[in-house]
């Protein structure tokens, strides 16, 4: 059974206007960290943007029904966030990404990387970055540089926070 969960912060009547974010995590701790980042994002954007999230673990891609549902979520996603604790994507994830490219019809979006435990450097980073950049290109998404597990989500100078 899938461990996928959904978190929504929809305030409008039309869900199609919401920014859809798919989060695919290596494991439960990486998912929990990504979830914390998403909650901080919701807090920062408060009433400015409607957001929906769907959370998936890499192991969900082992199950055909879950993999299909995750693929459908990616097809509609504005942002795909990969939350990793290591420096490699397992074969099941790279195969799933390869299958997603031809099915995605959306022509805009961003693929982002959240690194959780250790910094990735050298050849490991080069391989991971090249793989995700290639996936972003196949998915017609921009690749965003990685962020650490505790990104500063403060607003730019001159912009007030709502409380």
C-alpha atoms as a PDB file:
ATOM      1  CA  UNK A   1       0.000   0.000   0.000  1.00  0.00           C
ATOM      2  CA  UNK A   2       1.227   3.461  -0.833  1.00  0.00           C
ATOM      3  CA  UNK A   3       2.599   5.783   1.802  1.00  0.00           C
ATOM      4  CA  UNK A   4       1.704   8.795  -0.307  1.00  0.00           C
ATOM      5  CA  UNK A   5       0.062  11.639   1.508  1.00  0.00           C
ATOM      6  CA  UNK A   6      -1.423  14.888   0.387  1.00  0.00           C
ATOM      7  CA  UNK A   7      -1.340  18.284   2.012  1.00  0.00           C
ATOM      8  CA  UNK A   8      -3.433  21.060   0.596  1.00  0.00           C
ATOM      9  CA  UNK A   9      -3.715  24.723   1.295  1.00  0.00           C
ATOM     10  CA  UNK A  10      -6.420  25.585  -1.186  1.00  0.00           C
ATOM     11  CA  UNK A  11      -8.331  28.742  -0.503  1.00  0.00           C
ATOM     12  CA  UNK A  12      -9.835  29.304  -3.907  1.00  0.00           C
ATOM     13  CA  UNK A  13     -12.718  27.414  -5.437  1.00  0.00           C
ATOM     14  CA  UNK A  14     -10.723  26.493  -8.513  1.00  0.00           C
ATOM     15  CA  UNK A  15      -7.961  23.983  -7.679  1.00  0.00           C
ATOM     16  CA  UNK A  16      -6.554  24.352 -11.203  1.00  0.00           C
ATOM     17  CA  UNK A  17      -5.167  27.757 -10.165  1.00  0.00           C
ATOM     18  CA  UNK A  18      -3.106  26.234  -7.358  1.00  0.00           C
ATOM     19  CA  UNK A  19       0.629  25.685  -7.596  1.00  0.00           C
ATOM     20  CA  UNK A  20       1.030  21.896  -7.484  1.00  0.00           C
ATOM     21  CA  UNK A  21       4.134  20.541  -5.797  1.00  0.00           C
ATOM     22  CA  UNK A  22       5.157  16.895  -5.973  1.00  0.00           C
ATOM     23  CA  UNK A  23       7.653  15.812  -3.308  1.00  0.00           C
ATOM     24  CA  UNK A  24       9.532  12.562  -3.888  1.00  0.00           C
ATOM     25  CA  UNK A  25      11.704  11.515  -0.936  1.00  0.00           C
ATOM     26  CA  UNK A  26      14.383   8.912  -0.427  1.00  0.00           C
ATOM     27  CA  UNK A  27      12.989   7.792   2.942  1.00  0.00           C
ATOM     28  CA  UNK A  28      10.805   8.885   5.880  1.00  0.00           C
ATOM     29  CA  UNK A  29      13.378  11.292   7.428  1.00  0.00           C
ATOM     30  CA  UNK A  30      13.944  12.968   4.046  1.00  0.00           C
ATOM     31  CA  UNK A  31      10.152  13.202   3.576  1.00  0.00           C
ATOM     32  CA  UNK A  32       9.718  14.723   7.035  1.00  0.00           C
ATOM     33  CA  UNK A  33      12.369  17.334   6.295  1.00  0.00           C
ATOM     34  CA  UNK A  34      10.728  18.151   2.946  1.00  0.00           C
ATOM     35  CA  UNK A  35       7.383  18.397   4.703  1.00  0.00           C
ATOM     36  CA  UNK A  36       8.875  20.922   7.131  1.00  0.00           C
ATOM     37  CA  UNK A  37      10.190  22.973   4.206  1.00  0.00           C
ATOM     38  CA  UNK A  38       6.716  22.877   2.613  1.00  0.00           C
ATOM     39  CA  UNK A  39       5.060  24.028   5.851  1.00  0.00           C
ATOM     40  CA  UNK A  40       7.526  26.929   6.077  1.00  0.00           C
ATOM     41  CA  UNK A  41       6.748  27.805   2.466  1.00  0.00           C
ATOM     42  CA  UNK A  42       3.025  27.806   3.265  1.00  0.00           C
ATOM     43  CA  UNK A  43       3.667  30.096   6.216  1.00  0.00           C
ATOM     44  CA  UNK A  44       5.786  32.482   4.148  1.00  0.00           C
ATOM     45  CA  UNK A  45       3.289  32.703   1.285  1.00  0.00           C
ATOM     46  CA  UNK A  46       0.226  32.673   3.552  1.00  0.00           C
ATOM     47  CA  UNK A  47      -2.589  34.077   1.414  1.00  0.00           C
ATOM     48  CA  UNK A  48      -0.534  35.005  -1.638  1.00  0.00           C
ATOM     49  CA  UNK A  49      -0.591  31.681  -3.480  1.00  0.00           C
ATOM     50  CA  UNK A  50      -2.684  28.538  -3.331  1.00  0.00           C
ATOM     51  CA  UNK A  51      -0.523  25.446  -2.975  1.00  0.00           C
ATOM     52  CA  UNK A  52      -1.156  21.714  -3.096  1.00  0.00           C
ATOM     53  CA  UNK A  53       1.415  19.091  -2.177  1.00  0.00           C
ATOM     54  CA  UNK A  54       1.659  15.377  -2.763  1.00  0.00           C
ATOM     55  CA  UNK A  55       4.328  13.396  -0.925  1.00  0.00           C
ATOM     56  CA  UNK A  56       5.817  10.132  -2.172  1.00  0.00           C
ATOM     57  CA  UNK A  57       8.638   7.864  -1.056  1.00  0.00           C
ATOM     58  CA  UNK A  58      11.034   6.209  -3.482  1.00  0.00           C
ATOM     59  CA  UNK A  59       9.650   2.843  -2.309  1.00  0.00           C
ATOM     60  CA  UNK A  60       6.194   3.865  -3.568  1.00  0.00           C
ATOM     61  CA  UNK A  61       7.597   3.550  -7.081  1.00  0.00           C
ATOM     62  CA  UNK A  62       8.004  -0.221  -6.525  1.00  0.00           C
ATOM     63  CA  UNK A  63       4.223  -0.613  -6.702  1.00  0.00           C
ATOM     64  CA  UNK A  64       2.644  -0.144 -10.159  1.00  0.00           C
ATOM     65  CA  UNK A  65      -0.495   1.601  -8.889  1.00  0.00           C
ATOM     66  CA  UNK A  66       1.453   4.006  -6.677  1.00  0.00           C
ATOM     67  CA  UNK A  67       4.020   4.643  -9.416  1.00  0.00           C
ATOM     68  CA  UNK A  68       1.175   5.463 -11.810  1.00  0.00           C
ATOM     69  CA  UNK A  69      -0.428   7.846  -9.326  1.00  0.00           C
ATOM     70  CA  UNK A  70       2.929   9.560  -8.719  1.00  0.00           C
ATOM     71  CA  UNK A  71       3.419   9.847 -12.485  1.00  0.00           C
ATOM     72  CA  UNK A  72      -0.006  11.465 -12.810  1.00  0.00           C
ATOM     73  CA  UNK A  73       0.875  13.891 -10.005  1.00  0.00           C
ATOM     74  CA  UNK A  74       4.139  14.762 -11.774  1.00  0.00           C
ATOM     75  CA  UNK A  75       2.292  15.328 -15.036  1.00  0.00           C
ATOM     76  CA  UNK A  76       0.284  18.104 -13.355  1.00  0.00           C
ATOM     77  CA  UNK A  77       3.035  19.426 -11.057  1.00  0.00           C
ATOM     78  CA  UNK A  78       4.423  22.925 -11.280  1.00  0.00           C
ATOM     79  CA  UNK A  79       7.312  21.896  -9.028  1.00  0.00           C
ATOM     80  CA  UNK A  80       8.929  18.513  -8.460  1.00  0.00           C
ATOM     81  CA  UNK A  81      11.044  18.460  -5.296  1.00  0.00           C
ATOM     82  CA  UNK A  82      13.433  15.552  -4.763  1.00  0.00           C
ATOM     83  CA  UNK A  83      14.433  15.183  -1.117  1.00  0.00           C
ATOM     84  CA  UNK A  84      17.614  13.114  -0.752  1.00  0.00           C
ATOM     85  CA  UNK A  85      19.876  12.036   2.087  1.00  0.00           C
ATOM     86  CA  UNK A  86      22.427  10.484  -0.262  1.00  0.00           C
ATOM     87  CA  UNK A  87      24.008  11.321  -3.566  1.00  0.00           C
ATOM     88  CA  UNK A  88      22.418   8.730  -5.848  1.00  0.00           C
ATOM     89  CA  UNK A  89      19.015   8.036  -7.298  1.00  0.00           C
ATOM     90  CA  UNK A  90      18.081   4.359  -7.090  1.00  0.00           C
ATOM     91  CA  UNK A  91      17.448   2.573 -10.416  1.00  0.00           C
ATOM     92  CA  UNK A  92      13.684   2.470  -9.753  1.00  0.00           C
ATOM     93  CA  UNK A  93      13.646   6.290  -9.532  1.00  0.00           C
ATOM     94  CA  UNK A  94      15.683   6.835 -12.695  1.00  0.00           C
ATOM     95  CA  UNK A  95      13.496   4.318 -14.560  1.00  0.00           C
ATOM     96  CA  UNK A  96      10.366   6.068 -13.295  1.00  0.00           C
ATOM     97  CA  UNK A  97      11.767   9.449 -14.396  1.00  0.00           C
ATOM     98  CA  UNK A  98      12.524   8.049 -17.843  1.00  0.00           C
ATOM     99  CA  UNK A  99       8.920   6.829 -18.111  1.00  0.00           C
ATOM    100  CA  UNK A 100       7.545  10.225 -17.016  1.00  0.00           C
ATOM    101  CA  UNK A 101       9.185  12.311 -19.739  1.00  0.00           C
ATOM    102  CA  UNK A 102       7.040  11.198 -22.688  1.00  0.00           C
ATOM    103  CA  UNK A 103       3.774  11.450 -20.721  1.00  0.00           C
ATOM    104  CA  UNK A 104       4.187  14.986 -19.379  1.00  0.00           C
ATOM    105  CA  UNK A 105       2.412  17.539 -21.543  1.00  0.00           C
ATOM    106  CA  UNK A 106       2.842  20.545 -19.264  1.00  0.00           C
ATOM    107  CA  UNK A 107       5.531  22.800 -20.704  1.00  0.00           C
ATOM    108  CA  UNK A 108       6.530  24.765 -17.615  1.00  0.00           C
ATOM    109  CA  UNK A 109       7.748  23.877 -14.178  1.00  0.00           C
ATOM    110  CA  UNK A 110      10.783  23.401 -11.996  1.00  0.00           C
ATOM    111  CA  UNK A 111      12.640  20.389 -10.682  1.00  0.00           C
ATOM    112  CA  UNK A 112      14.380  21.110  -7.372  1.00  0.00           C
ATOM    113  CA  UNK A 113      16.691  19.169  -5.100  1.00  0.00           C
ATOM    114  CA  UNK A 114      16.659  19.243  -1.302  1.00  0.00           C
ATOM    115  CA  UNK A 115      19.826  17.760   0.215  1.00  0.00           C
ATOM    116  CA  UNK A 116      19.288  16.608   3.773  1.00  0.00           C
ATOM    117  CA  UNK A 117      22.226  15.089   5.626  1.00  0.00           C
ATOM    118  CA  UNK A 118      25.552  15.549   3.971  1.00  0.00           C
ATOM    119  CA  UNK A 119      26.787  17.873   1.301  1.00  0.00           C
ATOM    120  CA  UNK A 120      27.232  16.205  -2.053  1.00  0.00           C
ATOM    121  CA  UNK A 121      30.460  17.078  -3.836  1.00  0.00           C
ATOM    122  CA  UNK A 122      32.803  15.952  -6.548  1.00  0.00           C
ATOM    123  CA  UNK A 123      31.897  13.136  -8.901  1.00  0.00           C
ATOM    124  CA  UNK A 124      28.857  12.133  -6.837  1.00  0.00           C
ATOM    125  CA  UNK A 125      27.388  15.624  -7.233  1.00  0.00           C
ATOM    126  CA  UNK A 126      28.305  15.788 -10.907  1.00  0.00           C
ATOM    127  CA  UNK A 127      26.449  12.517 -11.574  1.00  0.00           C
ATOM    128  CA  UNK A 128      23.395  13.483  -9.544  1.00  0.00           C
ATOM    129  CA  UNK A 129      23.201  16.967 -11.036  1.00  0.00           C
ATOM    130  CA  UNK A 130      23.608  15.639 -14.583  1.00  0.00           C
ATOM    131  CA  UNK A 131      20.880  13.035 -14.029  1.00  0.00           C
ATOM    132  CA  UNK A 132      18.422  15.550 -12.584  1.00  0.00           C
ATOM    133  CA  UNK A 133      19.217  18.174 -15.230  1.00  0.00           C
ATOM    134  CA  UNK A 134      18.553  15.562 -17.897  1.00  0.00           C
ATOM    135  CA  UNK A 135      15.286  14.588 -16.217  1.00  0.00           C
ATOM    136  CA  UNK A 136      14.248  18.248 -15.971  1.00  0.00           C
ATOM    137  CA  UNK A 137      14.908  18.708 -19.674  1.00  0.00           C
ATOM    138  CA  UNK A 138      12.868  15.595 -20.568  1.00  0.00           C
ATOM    139  CA  UNK A 139      10.044  16.839 -18.344  1.00  0.00           C
ATOM    140  CA  UNK A 140      10.193  20.350 -19.837  1.00  0.00           C
ATOM    141  CA  UNK A 141      11.100  21.805 -16.440  1.00  0.00           C
ATOM    142  CA  UNK A 142      13.864  24.099 -15.233  1.00  0.00           C
ATOM    143  CA  UNK A 143      16.438  22.536 -12.907  1.00  0.00           C
ATOM    144  CA  UNK A 144      16.939  24.545  -9.709  1.00  0.00           C
ATOM    145  CA  UNK A 145      20.226  24.268  -7.807  1.00  0.00           C
ATOM    146  CA  UNK A 146      20.068  22.255  -4.600  1.00  0.00           C
ATOM    147  CA  UNK A 147      19.122  23.717  -1.279  1.00  0.00           C
ATOM    148  CA  UNK A 148      20.216  22.505   2.116  1.00  0.00           C
ATOM    149  CA  UNK A 149      17.805  20.855   4.532  1.00  0.00           C
ATOM    150  CA  UNK A 150      17.267  24.125   6.400  1.00  0.00           C
ATOM    151  CA  UNK A 151      16.871  26.771   3.725  1.00  0.00           C
ATOM    152  CA  UNK A 152      16.335  30.370   4.678  1.00  0.00           C
ATOM    153  CA  UNK A 153      12.815  31.046   3.509  1.00  0.00           C
ATOM    154  CA  UNK A 154      12.743  34.619   4.736  1.00  0.00           C
ATOM    155  CA  UNK A 155      11.219  37.153   2.430  1.00  0.00           C
ATOM    156  CA  UNK A 156      13.386  39.483   0.342  1.00  0.00           C
ATOM    157  CA  UNK A 157      14.160  42.937   1.796  1.00  0.00           C
ATOM    158  CA  UNK A 158      11.281  45.363   1.550  1.00  0.00           C
ATOM    159  CA  UNK A 159       8.629  42.676   1.707  1.00  0.00           C
ATOM    160  CA  UNK A 160       6.640  42.385   4.909  1.00  0.00           C
ATOM    161  CA  UNK A 161       5.628  39.129   6.489  1.00  0.00           C
ATOM    162  CA  UNK A 162       1.986  38.573   7.336  1.00  0.00           C
ATOM    163  CA  UNK A 163       1.209  37.260  10.790  1.00  0.00           C
END
